[in-house]
Amino acid sequence: MENRPKQERQQERPRERLLSRGAQALTDAELVALVLGTGSGKYSALELARQLILSHGGLHGLLHTDSRTFLAVSGLGPAQYARFRAIREISGRQLREKMQRSDVLRDPAATEAYLRYWLRDRSRETFVCVFLDSRHRVIHCEVLFEGTIDAAAVYPREVVRQSLQHNAAAVILAHNHPSGVAEPSEADRHLTRRLGQALDLVDIRLLDHLVIGEGRATSFARRGIL
């Protein structure tokens, strides 16, 4: 690095570029280099950042890597891993805050973004319920059932019980497909009909059921399935 021209070295100072031009002007590698803080003995922070992004298949893979994989890279330590975990958690909490402040019918994208973030990387099929008040504002959001890599046992009476406990007027259901395919199965369609009928008996409206895959979600409401 020291043999490079001075002008080239100055162009690769992410902190100065961020302060002078804004974070949006930085490349992915420059942003990661800022989080790393320092490089290893062999590589600068920027060079190490480029290698990490490449080896993890992008920013998403890097942010969701486990500690063992991350710390196996020479030059990386627990403090740097903690920074990446903090960034991921901050991102998730920001999405949750946006969802909780919104009317989900007027801003369905906020709810979908949060549920995608929450479910897309789970290795087991996970079933989530978002409980809403009469103005369709979020009361609570929680995992109700968790299963295997390709199935989760879902009990309608438990969904009804939790909905009544939270005094919900409406609910949104969501579950992931660990395979990454967001297309609803016939079993998903049958379950949704059963859940809708069970909730209807206690005057709770089923607004939507989202199937979360890799990077996308399929909405039963938009498909006209509900």
C-alpha atoms as a PDB file:
ATOM      1  CA  MET A   1       0.000   0.000   0.000  1.00  0.00           C
ATOM      2  CA  GLU A   2       2.781   2.482   0.829  1.00  0.00           C
ATOM      3  CA  ASN A   3       4.180   2.185  -2.709  1.00  0.00           C
ATOM      4  CA  ARG A   4       0.974   3.546  -4.244  1.00  0.00           C
ATOM      5  CA  PRO A   5       0.838   7.180  -5.382  1.00  0.00           C
ATOM      6  CA  LYS A   6      -0.238   9.621  -2.667  1.00  0.00           C
ATOM      7  CA  GLN A   7      -3.317  10.699  -4.670  1.00  0.00           C
ATOM      8  CA  GLU A   8      -4.551   7.079  -4.897  1.00  0.00           C
ATOM      9  CA  ARG A   9      -4.072   6.562  -1.160  1.00  0.00           C
ATOM     10  CA  GLN A  10      -6.068   9.714  -0.398  1.00  0.00           C
ATOM     11  CA  GLN A  11      -8.890   8.550  -2.643  1.00  0.00           C
ATOM     12  CA  GLU A  12      -9.238   5.422  -0.511  1.00  0.00           C
ATOM     13  CA  ARG A  13      -9.809   7.163   2.822  1.00  0.00           C
ATOM     14  CA  PRO A  14     -13.428   6.214   3.548  1.00  0.00           C
ATOM     15  CA  ARG A  15     -13.788   8.375   6.649  1.00  0.00           C
ATOM     16  CA  GLU A  16     -12.772  11.557   4.852  1.00  0.00           C
ATOM     17  CA  ARG A  17     -14.991  10.709   1.880  1.00  0.00           C
ATOM     18  CA  LEU A  18     -17.960  10.115   4.188  1.00  0.00           C
ATOM     19  CA  LEU A  19     -17.467  13.419   5.998  1.00  0.00           C
ATOM     20  CA  SER A  20     -17.011  15.437   2.823  1.00  0.00           C
ATOM     21  CA  ARG A  21     -19.487  13.743   0.465  1.00  0.00           C
ATOM     22  CA  GLY A  22     -21.872  11.755   2.668  1.00  0.00           C
ATOM     23  CA  ALA A  23     -22.233   8.044   3.380  1.00  0.00           C
ATOM     24  CA  GLN A  24     -24.169   7.470   0.150  1.00  0.00           C
ATOM     25  CA  ALA A  25     -21.024   8.328  -1.835  1.00  0.00           C
ATOM     26  CA  LEU A  26     -19.072   5.404  -0.391  1.00  0.00           C
ATOM     27  CA  THR A  27     -18.800   1.997  -1.986  1.00  0.00           C
ATOM     28  CA  ASP A  28     -19.833  -1.141  -0.109  1.00  0.00           C
ATOM     29  CA  ALA A  29     -16.177  -1.924   0.572  1.00  0.00           C
ATOM     30  CA  GLU A  30     -15.525   1.554   1.952  1.00  0.00           C
ATOM     31  CA  LEU A  31     -18.467   1.285   4.351  1.00  0.00           C
ATOM     32  CA  VAL A  32     -17.287  -2.124   5.550  1.00  0.00           C
ATOM     33  CA  ALA A  33     -13.750  -0.764   5.957  1.00  0.00           C
ATOM     34  CA  LEU A  34     -15.097   1.934   8.276  1.00  0.00           C
ATOM     35  CA  VAL A  35     -16.791  -0.700  10.409  1.00  0.00           C
ATOM     36  CA  LEU A  36     -13.621  -2.814  10.516  1.00  0.00           C
ATOM     37  CA  GLY A  37     -11.573   0.181  11.601  1.00  0.00           C
ATOM     38  CA  THR A  38      -8.228  -1.478  10.872  1.00  0.00           C
ATOM     39  CA  GLY A  39      -6.924  -4.110   8.545  1.00  0.00           C
ATOM     40  CA  SER A  40      -4.645  -7.058   9.195  1.00  0.00           C
ATOM     41  CA  GLY A  41      -0.886  -7.060   9.010  1.00  0.00           C
ATOM     42  CA  LYS A  42      -1.099  -8.150   5.391  1.00  0.00           C
ATOM     43  CA  TYR A  43      -4.069  -6.133   4.123  1.00  0.00           C
ATOM     44  CA  SER A  44      -5.429  -2.640   4.613  1.00  0.00           C
ATOM     45  CA  ALA A  45      -8.969  -2.267   6.005  1.00  0.00           C
ATOM     46  CA  LEU A  46     -10.251  -1.522   2.507  1.00  0.00           C
ATOM     47  CA  GLU A  47      -8.565  -4.550   0.945  1.00  0.00           C
ATOM     48  CA  LEU A  48      -9.831  -6.777   3.755  1.00  0.00           C
ATOM     49  CA  ALA A  49     -13.339  -5.354   3.298  1.00  0.00           C
ATOM     50  CA  ARG A  50     -13.294  -6.203  -0.412  1.00  0.00           C
ATOM     51  CA  GLN A  51     -12.244  -9.769   0.351  1.00  0.00           C
ATOM     52  CA  LEU A  52     -14.946 -10.182   2.991  1.00  0.00           C
ATOM     53  CA  ILE A  53     -17.711  -8.943   0.683  1.00  0.00           C
ATOM     54  CA  LEU A  54     -16.520 -11.256  -2.083  1.00  0.00           C
ATOM     55  CA  SER A  55     -16.151 -14.332   0.129  1.00  0.00           C
ATOM     56  CA  HIS A  56     -19.591 -13.842   1.729  1.00  0.00           C
ATOM     57  CA  GLY A  57     -21.420 -13.163  -1.525  1.00  0.00           C
ATOM     58  CA  GLY A  58     -22.258  -9.543  -0.649  1.00  0.00           C
ATOM     59  CA  LEU A  59     -23.251  -7.380   2.288  1.00  0.00           C
ATOM     60  CA  HIS A  60     -26.202  -9.533   3.298  1.00  0.00           C
ATOM     61  CA  GLY A  61     -24.049 -12.626   3.718  1.00  0.00           C
ATOM     62  CA  LEU A  62     -21.440 -10.680   5.632  1.00  0.00           C
ATOM     63  CA  LEU A  63     -23.934  -9.161   8.062  1.00  0.00           C
ATOM     64  CA  HIS A  64     -25.530 -12.559   8.725  1.00  0.00           C
ATOM     65  CA  THR A  65     -22.378 -14.643   9.107  1.00  0.00           C
ATOM     66  CA  ASP A  66     -21.832 -16.528  12.348  1.00  0.00           C
ATOM     67  CA  SER A  67     -19.043 -15.731  14.770  1.00  0.00           C
ATOM     68  CA  ARG A  68     -17.022 -18.869  14.020  1.00  0.00           C
ATOM     69  CA  THR A  69     -16.854 -18.112  10.292  1.00  0.00           C
ATOM     70  CA  PHE A  70     -16.132 -14.423  10.866  1.00  0.00           C
ATOM     71  CA  LEU A  71     -13.390 -14.940  13.450  1.00  0.00           C
ATOM     72  CA  ALA A  72     -11.708 -17.596  11.298  1.00  0.00           C
ATOM     73  CA  VAL A  73     -10.495 -14.802   8.986  1.00  0.00           C
ATOM     74  CA  SER A  74      -6.988 -13.672   9.844  1.00  0.00           C
ATOM     75  CA  GLY A  75      -6.948 -10.142  11.262  1.00  0.00           C
ATOM     76  CA  LEU A  76     -10.537 -10.121  12.518  1.00  0.00           C
ATOM     77  CA  GLY A  77     -11.450 -10.159  16.197  1.00  0.00           C
ATOM     78  CA  PRO A  78     -14.448 -10.152  18.565  1.00  0.00           C
ATOM     79  CA  ALA A  79     -14.694  -6.339  18.632  1.00  0.00           C
ATOM     80  CA  GLN A  80     -15.157  -6.179  14.863  1.00  0.00           C
ATOM     81  CA  TYR A  81     -17.699  -9.002  14.909  1.00  0.00           C
ATOM     82  CA  ALA A  82     -19.616  -7.171  17.647  1.00  0.00           C
ATOM     83  CA  ARG A  83     -19.791  -4.045  15.458  1.00  0.00           C
ATOM     84  CA  PHE A  84     -21.355  -5.992  12.586  1.00  0.00           C
ATOM     85  CA  ARG A  85     -23.858  -7.639  14.926  1.00  0.00           C
ATOM     86  CA  ALA A  86     -24.778  -4.225  16.329  1.00  0.00           C
ATOM     87  CA  ILE A  87     -25.365  -2.844  12.828  1.00  0.00           C
ATOM     88  CA  ARG A  88     -27.623  -5.769  11.986  1.00  0.00           C
ATOM     89  CA  GLU A  89     -29.626  -5.335  15.189  1.00  0.00           C
ATOM     90  CA  ILE A  90     -29.990  -1.583  14.666  1.00  0.00           C
ATOM     91  CA  SER A  91     -31.301  -2.208  11.144  1.00  0.00           C
ATOM     92  CA  GLY A  92     -33.878  -4.682  12.435  1.00  0.00           C
ATOM     93  CA  ARG A  93     -35.054  -2.390  15.223  1.00  0.00           C
ATOM     94  CA  GLN A  94     -35.404   0.535  12.808  1.00  0.00           C
ATOM     95  CA  LEU A  95     -37.613  -1.584  10.539  1.00  0.00           C
ATOM     96  CA  ARG A  96     -39.685  -2.693  13.539  1.00  0.00           C
ATOM     97  CA  GLU A  97     -40.164   0.897  14.717  1.00  0.00           C
ATOM     98  CA  LYS A  98     -41.333   1.939  11.253  1.00  0.00           C
ATOM     99  CA  MET A  99     -43.788  -0.946  11.121  1.00  0.00           C
ATOM    100  CA  GLN A 100     -45.168  -0.221  14.595  1.00  0.00           C
ATOM    101  CA  ARG A 101     -45.751   3.463  13.800  1.00  0.00           C
ATOM    102  CA  SER A 102     -47.614   2.831  10.575  1.00  0.00           C
ATOM    103  CA  ASP A 103     -51.109   1.843   9.535  1.00  0.00           C
ATOM    104  CA  VAL A 104     -50.252  -1.494   7.921  1.00  0.00           C
ATOM    105  CA  LEU A 105     -52.948  -1.107   5.272  1.00  0.00           C
ATOM    106  CA  ARG A 106     -51.570   2.270   4.189  1.00  0.00           C
ATOM    107  CA  ASP A 107     -47.931   1.189   4.418  1.00  0.00           C
ATOM    108  CA  PRO A 108     -47.850  -2.590   3.828  1.00  0.00           C
ATOM    109  CA  ALA A 109     -44.267  -2.303   2.556  1.00  0.00           C
ATOM    110  CA  ALA A 110     -43.011  -1.499   6.078  1.00  0.00           C
ATOM    111  CA  THR A 111     -44.583  -4.656   7.504  1.00  0.00           C
ATOM    112  CA  GLU A 112     -43.335  -6.782   4.616  1.00  0.00           C
ATOM    113  CA  ALA A 113     -39.793  -5.398   4.910  1.00  0.00           C
ATOM    114  CA  TYR A 114     -39.648  -6.178   8.615  1.00  0.00           C
ATOM    115  CA  LEU A 115     -41.031  -9.691   8.227  1.00  0.00           C
ATOM    116  CA  ARG A 116     -38.611 -10.412   5.370  1.00  0.00           C
ATOM    117  CA  TYR A 117     -35.728  -9.198   7.518  1.00  0.00           C
ATOM    118  CA  TRP A 118     -36.886 -11.270  10.483  1.00  0.00           C
ATOM    119  CA  LEU A 119     -37.636 -14.534   8.668  1.00  0.00           C
ATOM    120  CA  ARG A 120     -35.613 -14.841   5.493  1.00  0.00           C
ATOM    121  CA  ASP A 121     -32.447 -16.344   7.048  1.00  0.00           C
ATOM    122  CA  ARG A 122     -34.007 -18.781   9.503  1.00  0.00           C
ATOM    123  CA  SER A 123     -32.990 -22.365   8.906  1.00  0.00           C
ATOM    124  CA  ARG A 124     -36.282 -23.720  10.296  1.00  0.00           C
ATOM    125  CA  GLU A 125     -39.799 -22.963   9.145  1.00  0.00           C
ATOM    126  CA  THR A 126     -41.093 -20.275  11.496  1.00  0.00           C
ATOM    127  CA  PHE A 127     -44.654 -18.989  11.845  1.00  0.00           C
ATOM    128  CA  VAL A 128     -45.204 -15.387  12.970  1.00  0.00           C
ATOM    129  CA  CYS A 129     -48.330 -13.453  13.857  1.00  0.00           C
ATOM    130  CA  VAL A 130     -48.674  -9.660  13.795  1.00  0.00           C
ATOM    131  CA  PHE A 131     -51.535  -8.526  16.046  1.00  0.00           C
ATOM    132  CA  LEU A 132     -53.318  -5.289  15.072  1.00  0.00           C
ATOM    133  CA  ASP A 133     -55.828  -2.975  16.724  1.00  0.00           C
ATOM    134  CA  SER A 134     -59.033  -1.685  15.113  1.00  0.00           C
ATOM    135  CA  ARG A 135     -57.058   1.050  13.305  1.00  0.00           C
ATOM    136  CA  HIS A 136     -54.659  -1.559  11.949  1.00  0.00           C
ATOM    137  CA  ARG A 137     -51.750  -0.381  14.062  1.00  0.00           C
ATOM    138  CA  VAL A 138     -49.349  -3.010  15.393  1.00  0.00           C
ATOM    139  CA  ILE A 139     -50.012  -4.186  18.947  1.00  0.00           C
ATOM    140  CA  HIS A 140     -47.477  -6.989  19.049  1.00  0.00           C
ATOM    141  CA  CYS A 141     -45.503  -9.300  16.797  1.00  0.00           C
ATOM    142  CA  GLU A 142     -44.257 -12.728  17.848  1.00  0.00           C
ATOM    143  CA  VAL A 143     -43.182 -16.192  16.752  1.00  0.00           C
ATOM    144  CA  LEU A 144     -45.972 -18.643  17.546  1.00  0.00           C
ATOM    145  CA  PHE A 145     -44.623 -21.855  16.038  1.00  0.00           C
ATOM    146  CA  GLU A 146     -41.262 -23.164  14.873  1.00  0.00           C
ATOM    147  CA  GLY A 147     -40.681 -26.439  13.079  1.00  0.00           C
ATOM    148  CA  THR A 148     -38.211 -28.257  10.844  1.00  0.00           C
ATOM    149  CA  ILE A 149     -36.487 -27.200   7.645  1.00  0.00           C
ATOM    150  CA  ASP A 150     -39.663 -27.781   5.636  1.00  0.00           C
ATOM    151  CA  ALA A 151     -42.653 -27.710   7.980  1.00  0.00           C
ATOM    152  CA  ALA A 152     -44.082 -26.213  11.150  1.00  0.00           C
ATOM    153  CA  ALA A 153     -47.141 -27.469  13.028  1.00  0.00           C
ATOM    154  CA  VAL A 154     -49.618 -24.585  13.291  1.00  0.00           C
ATOM    155  CA  TYR A 155     -52.648 -24.810  15.585  1.00  0.00           C
ATOM    156  CA  PRO A 156     -55.561 -22.459  14.747  1.00  0.00           C
ATOM    157  CA  ARG A 157     -56.884 -22.462  18.315  1.00  0.00           C
ATOM    158  CA  GLU A 158     -53.528 -21.144  19.572  1.00  0.00           C
ATOM    159  CA  VAL A 159     -53.578 -18.359  16.979  1.00  0.00           C
ATOM    160  CA  VAL A 160     -57.109 -17.461  18.125  1.00  0.00           C
ATOM    161  CA  ARG A 161     -56.115 -17.634  21.806  1.00  0.00           C
ATOM    162  CA  GLN A 162     -53.141 -15.327  21.339  1.00  0.00           C
ATOM    163  CA  SER A 163     -55.206 -12.917  19.235  1.00  0.00           C
ATOM    164  CA  LEU A 164     -57.827 -12.654  21.966  1.00  0.00           C
ATOM    165  CA  GLN A 165     -55.145 -12.275  24.628  1.00  0.00           C
ATOM    166  CA  HIS A 166     -53.724  -9.274  22.768  1.00  0.00           C
ATOM    167  CA  ASN A 167     -57.238  -7.916  22.143  1.00  0.00           C
ATOM    168  CA  ALA A 168     -56.502  -7.852  18.419  1.00  0.00           C
ATOM    169  CA  ALA A 169     -59.066  -6.736  15.872  1.00  0.00           C
ATOM    170  CA  ALA A 170     -57.042  -8.093  12.948  1.00  0.00           C
ATOM    171  CA  VAL A 171     -53.926 -10.157  12.291  1.00  0.00           C
ATOM    172  CA  ILE A 172     -51.296 -10.659   9.632  1.00  0.00           C
ATOM    173  CA  LEU A 173     -49.692 -14.083   9.408  1.00  0.00           C
ATOM    174  CA  ALA A 174     -46.271 -14.864   7.983  1.00  0.00           C
ATOM    175  CA  HIS A 175     -43.986 -17.843   7.657  1.00  0.00           C
ATOM    176  CA  ASN A 176     -40.753 -18.546   5.864  1.00  0.00           C
ATOM    177  CA  HIS A 177     -39.710 -21.214   3.394  1.00  0.00           C
ATOM    178  CA  PRO A 178     -36.085 -22.105   4.256  1.00  0.00           C
ATOM    179  CA  SER A 179     -35.714 -23.428   0.699  1.00  0.00           C
ATOM    180  CA  GLY A 180     -35.861 -19.795  -0.439  1.00  0.00           C
ATOM    181  CA  VAL A 181     -38.912 -20.319  -2.663  1.00  0.00           C
ATOM    182  CA  ALA A 182     -41.682 -17.888  -1.727  1.00  0.00           C
ATOM    183  CA  GLU A 183     -44.453 -19.664  -3.628  1.00  0.00           C
ATOM    184  CA  PRO A 184     -47.315 -20.805  -1.347  1.00  0.00           C
ATOM    185  CA  SER A 185     -47.897 -24.554  -1.236  1.00  0.00           C
ATOM    186  CA  GLU A 186     -51.287 -26.200  -1.287  1.00  0.00           C
ATOM    187  CA  ALA A 187     -50.805 -26.896   2.431  1.00  0.00           C
ATOM    188  CA  ASP A 188     -50.223 -23.163   2.982  1.00  0.00           C
ATOM    189  CA  ARG A 189     -53.465 -22.351   1.188  1.00  0.00           C
ATOM    190  CA  HIS A 190     -55.432 -24.918   3.186  1.00  0.00           C
ATOM    191  CA  LEU A 191     -53.967 -23.680   6.479  1.00  0.00           C
ATOM    192  CA  THR A 192     -54.793 -20.076   5.613  1.00  0.00           C
ATOM    193  CA  ARG A 193     -58.424 -20.967   4.929  1.00  0.00           C
ATOM    194  CA  ARG A 194     -58.658 -22.797   8.287  1.00  0.00           C
ATOM    195  CA  LEU A 195     -57.063 -19.905  10.167  1.00  0.00           C
ATOM    196  CA  GLY A 196     -59.328 -17.367   8.460  1.00  0.00           C
ATOM    197  CA  GLN A 197     -62.423 -19.379   9.406  1.00  0.00           C
ATOM    198  CA  ALA A 198     -61.258 -19.814  13.014  1.00  0.00           C
ATOM    199  CA  LEU A 199     -60.512 -16.100  13.431  1.00  0.00           C
ATOM    200  CA  ASP A 200     -63.791 -15.132  11.789  1.00  0.00           C
ATOM    201  CA  LEU A 201     -65.686 -17.000  14.515  1.00  0.00           C
ATOM    202  CA  VAL A 202     -64.358 -14.516  17.095  1.00  0.00           C
ATOM    203  CA  ASP A 203     -64.725 -11.446  14.818  1.00  0.00           C
ATOM    204  CA  ILE A 204     -61.005 -11.055  14.125  1.00  0.00           C
ATOM    205  CA  ARG A 205     -60.074 -10.261  10.539  1.00  0.00           C
ATOM    206  CA  LEU A 206     -57.245 -12.048   8.751  1.00  0.00           C
ATOM    207  CA  LEU A 207     -55.703  -9.281   6.620  1.00  0.00           C
ATOM    208  CA  ASP A 208     -52.911 -11.211   4.938  1.00  0.00           C
ATOM    209  CA  HIS A 209     -50.609 -14.198   5.012  1.00  0.00           C
ATOM    210  CA  LEU A 210     -47.059 -13.649   3.743  1.00  0.00           C
ATOM    211  CA  VAL A 211     -44.762 -16.421   2.572  1.00  0.00           C
ATOM    212  CA  ILE A 212     -41.146 -15.287   2.921  1.00  0.00           C
ATOM    213  CA  GLY A 213     -38.449 -16.651   0.655  1.00  0.00           C
ATOM    214  CA  GLU A 214     -34.983 -15.502  -0.256  1.00  0.00           C
ATOM    215  CA  GLY A 215     -35.231 -11.771  -0.877  1.00  0.00           C
ATOM    216  CA  ARG A 216     -38.963 -11.676  -1.619  1.00  0.00           C
ATOM    217  CA  ALA A 217     -42.387 -12.301  -0.163  1.00  0.00           C
ATOM    218  CA  THR A 218     -45.661 -13.563  -1.609  1.00  0.00           C
ATOM    219  CA  SER A 219     -48.828 -11.946  -0.269  1.00  0.00           C
ATOM    220  CA  PHE A 220     -52.057 -13.962  -0.163  1.00  0.00           C
ATOM    221  CA  ALA A 221     -54.045 -10.714  -0.164  1.00  0.00           C
ATOM    222  CA  ARG A 222     -52.338  -9.376  -3.306  1.00  0.00           C
ATOM    223  CA  ARG A 223     -52.799 -12.763  -4.984  1.00  0.00           C
ATOM    224  CA  GLY A 224     -56.514 -12.637  -4.180  1.00  0.00           C
ATOM    225  CA  ILE A 225     -56.301 -15.912  -2.260  1.00  0.00           C
ATOM    226  CA  LEU A 226     -57.871 -14.558   0.945  1.00  0.00           C
END
